[in-house]
Structure formats: structure tokens, C-alpha cells
Amino acid sequence: MTKPEITYDDFAKLDLRVATVISARPHPNADKLMLLEIDVGDQRKQIVAGIRQHYQPDQLVGRQIIVVNNLQEAVLRGEESQGMLLAASDGQRIVLLQPAEPCAPGSVVK
């Protein structure tokens, strides 16, 4: 599915950052969701991600991921989400986007 074209200014509104996963646990009220505590350099945040059927918590702790750091906060099934991780999906699996080499948490993705 092709989405509408956006301008560079639209893209520039995204605050993409490298984050390190501090902790991960299954969402208590949703079979497909995982709660991640992440370090984005200047703060720690919680994000809710639909990756529970693809990753175990111990596979995520210490891992670096790419997140949308300025996504409007939302409450998903009773848990606050303060961002969104980026992942690729081929319809059968989900692969988390991550830097090719370790980066400082909070590094800007451009």
C-alpha cells in the first residue's frame, strides 16, 4: 500500500532517536503488547509496543532500538505510552530497527 507523499518539513517534525531498552515486560491486559522502559539520553520513558508475540523480554533488555521520541502520549489498555519504536514487518515477523553500531542513548537519527 502506497501512502501519500509528504514534504521534507513533514518528515523533519519527527524526533527519531536511539534508545536503549532498560526493562521489558508483558502488558498485563493485552496478549500482543509489551511494556518497554527505554533510555533516550536525557530521560527514561515507557512505550507500549505490539511485539509480544515476536520477542521475549530477555531478548530486549540492553538492546538499542530506534524510536519516535515526540509522538503524542497515549494510554493503551490502561498503560501510558510515551513514544513508538520503529520496526519492519513482512506480514509474518517483526524486526526491530536498530543502529548498525552502538550509539549513545538519545543520538539523533536523521
Protein backbone atom coordinates (compact mmCIF):
# COMPACT_ATOMS: atom_id res chain seq x y z
CA MET A 1 0.00 0.00 0.00
CA THR A 2 1.44 3.34 -1.06
CA LYS A 3 0.88 6.24 1.28
CA PRO A 4 0.55 9.90 0.29
CA GLU A 5 3.77 11.78 -0.43
CA ILE A 6 4.97 14.07 2.35
CA THR A 7 7.23 17.10 2.32
CA TYR A 8 10.64 17.32 3.94
CA ASP A 9 9.08 19.66 6.52
CA ASP A 10 6.61 16.89 7.44
CA PHE A 11 9.47 14.43 7.91
CA ALA A 12 11.53 16.96 9.88
CA LYS A 13 8.80 17.09 12.53
CA LEU A 14 9.75 13.55 13.63
CA ASP A 15 12.22 13.35 16.51
CA LEU A 16 13.85 9.97 15.80
CA ARG A 17 16.27 8.83 18.50
CA VAL A 18 18.39 5.87 19.50
CA ALA A 19 17.05 4.36 22.74
CA THR A 20 18.35 1.59 24.97
CA VAL A 21 15.81 -0.82 26.45
CA ILE A 22 16.17 -0.79 30.26
CA SER A 23 13.39 -3.26 31.04
CA ALA A 24 10.66 -5.18 29.24
CA ARG A 25 7.58 -6.98 30.49
CA PRO A 26 4.34 -8.30 29.05
CA HIS A 27 1.37 -5.93 29.19
CA PRO A 28 -0.94 -7.21 31.95
CA ASN A 29 -4.12 -6.57 29.92
CA ALA A 30 -3.15 -7.42 26.33
CA ASP A 31 -1.74 -10.57 24.73
CA LYS A 32 0.06 -8.75 21.89
CA LEU A 33 1.57 -5.82 23.79
CA MET A 34 4.87 -5.41 25.62
CA LEU A 35 5.82 -2.60 28.03
CA LEU A 36 9.33 -1.25 27.50
CA GLU A 37 11.21 1.17 29.72
CA ILE A 38 13.69 2.99 27.50
CA ASP A 39 16.59 5.40 27.98
CA VAL A 40 16.57 8.18 25.38
CA GLY A 41 19.57 10.01 26.79
CA ASP A 42 18.05 12.85 28.78
CA GLN A 43 15.14 10.86 30.19
CA ARG A 44 13.54 7.47 30.64
CA LYS A 45 10.18 6.70 29.08
CA GLN A 46 7.69 3.88 28.83
CA ILE A 47 6.46 2.73 25.44
CA VAL A 48 3.82 0.15 24.64
CA ALA A 49 4.66 -1.97 21.59
CA GLY A 50 2.81 -4.72 19.74
CA ILE A 51 5.79 -7.09 19.70
CA ARG A 52 4.91 -9.58 22.43
CA GLN A 53 4.31 -12.46 20.00
CA HIS A 54 7.71 -11.89 18.37
CA TYR A 55 10.10 -11.12 21.26
CA GLN A 56 10.66 -12.30 24.82
CA PRO A 57 11.51 -9.65 27.45
CA ASP A 58 15.04 -11.01 27.93
CA GLN A 59 15.71 -10.55 24.18
CA LEU A 60 15.03 -6.83 24.51
CA VAL A 61 16.83 -5.68 27.67
CA GLY A 62 20.05 -3.88 26.73
CA ARG A 63 19.13 -3.74 23.06
CA GLN A 64 19.24 -0.47 21.19
CA ILE A 65 16.21 0.50 19.11
CA ILE A 66 15.01 3.49 17.10
CA VAL A 67 12.03 5.40 18.48
CA VAL A 68 9.77 8.30 17.58
CA ASN A 69 10.57 10.39 20.63
CA ASN A 70 8.00 13.15 20.13
CA LEU A 71 4.87 11.09 19.48
CA GLN A 72 1.90 12.38 21.46
CA GLU A 73 1.42 10.32 24.62
CA ALA A 74 -1.39 7.77 24.60
CA VAL A 75 -2.91 5.27 27.03
CA LEU A 76 -3.10 1.77 25.57
CA ARG A 77 -5.13 -0.76 27.54
CA GLY A 78 -4.51 1.21 30.73
CA GLU A 79 -0.76 1.79 30.27
CA GLU A 80 0.87 5.07 29.22
CA SER A 81 2.96 5.06 26.04
CA GLN A 82 5.39 7.95 25.55
CA GLY A 83 6.73 7.15 22.08
CA MET A 84 6.83 4.47 19.42
CA LEU A 85 9.51 2.04 18.34
CA LEU A 86 10.26 1.51 14.67
CA ALA A 87 10.11 -1.97 13.17
CA ALA A 88 9.80 -3.68 9.81
CA SER A 89 7.22 -6.37 9.12
CA ASP A 90 6.90 -8.80 6.25
CA GLY A 91 3.50 -9.96 7.46
CA GLN A 92 4.84 -12.93 9.39
CA ARG A 93 7.51 -11.44 11.62
CA ILE A 94 8.51 -8.13 13.14
CA VAL A 95 12.12 -6.94 13.06
CA LEU A 96 13.13 -4.03 15.28
CA LEU A 97 15.14 -1.24 13.66
CA GLN A 98 18.43 -0.60 15.42
CA PRO A 99 21.71 1.19 14.78
CA ALA A 100 24.37 -0.85 12.94
CA GLU A 101 26.82 0.01 15.73
CA PRO A 102 26.29 1.01 19.38
CA CYS A 103 25.34 4.67 19.83
CA ALA A 104 24.81 6.85 22.87
CA PRO A 105 21.17 6.77 24.00
CA GLY A 106 19.43 9.87 22.67
CA SER A 107 21.53 10.06 19.49
CA VAL A 108 19.51 11.76 16.76
CA VAL A 109 18.53 9.70 13.70
CA LYS A 110 18.41 11.79 10.53
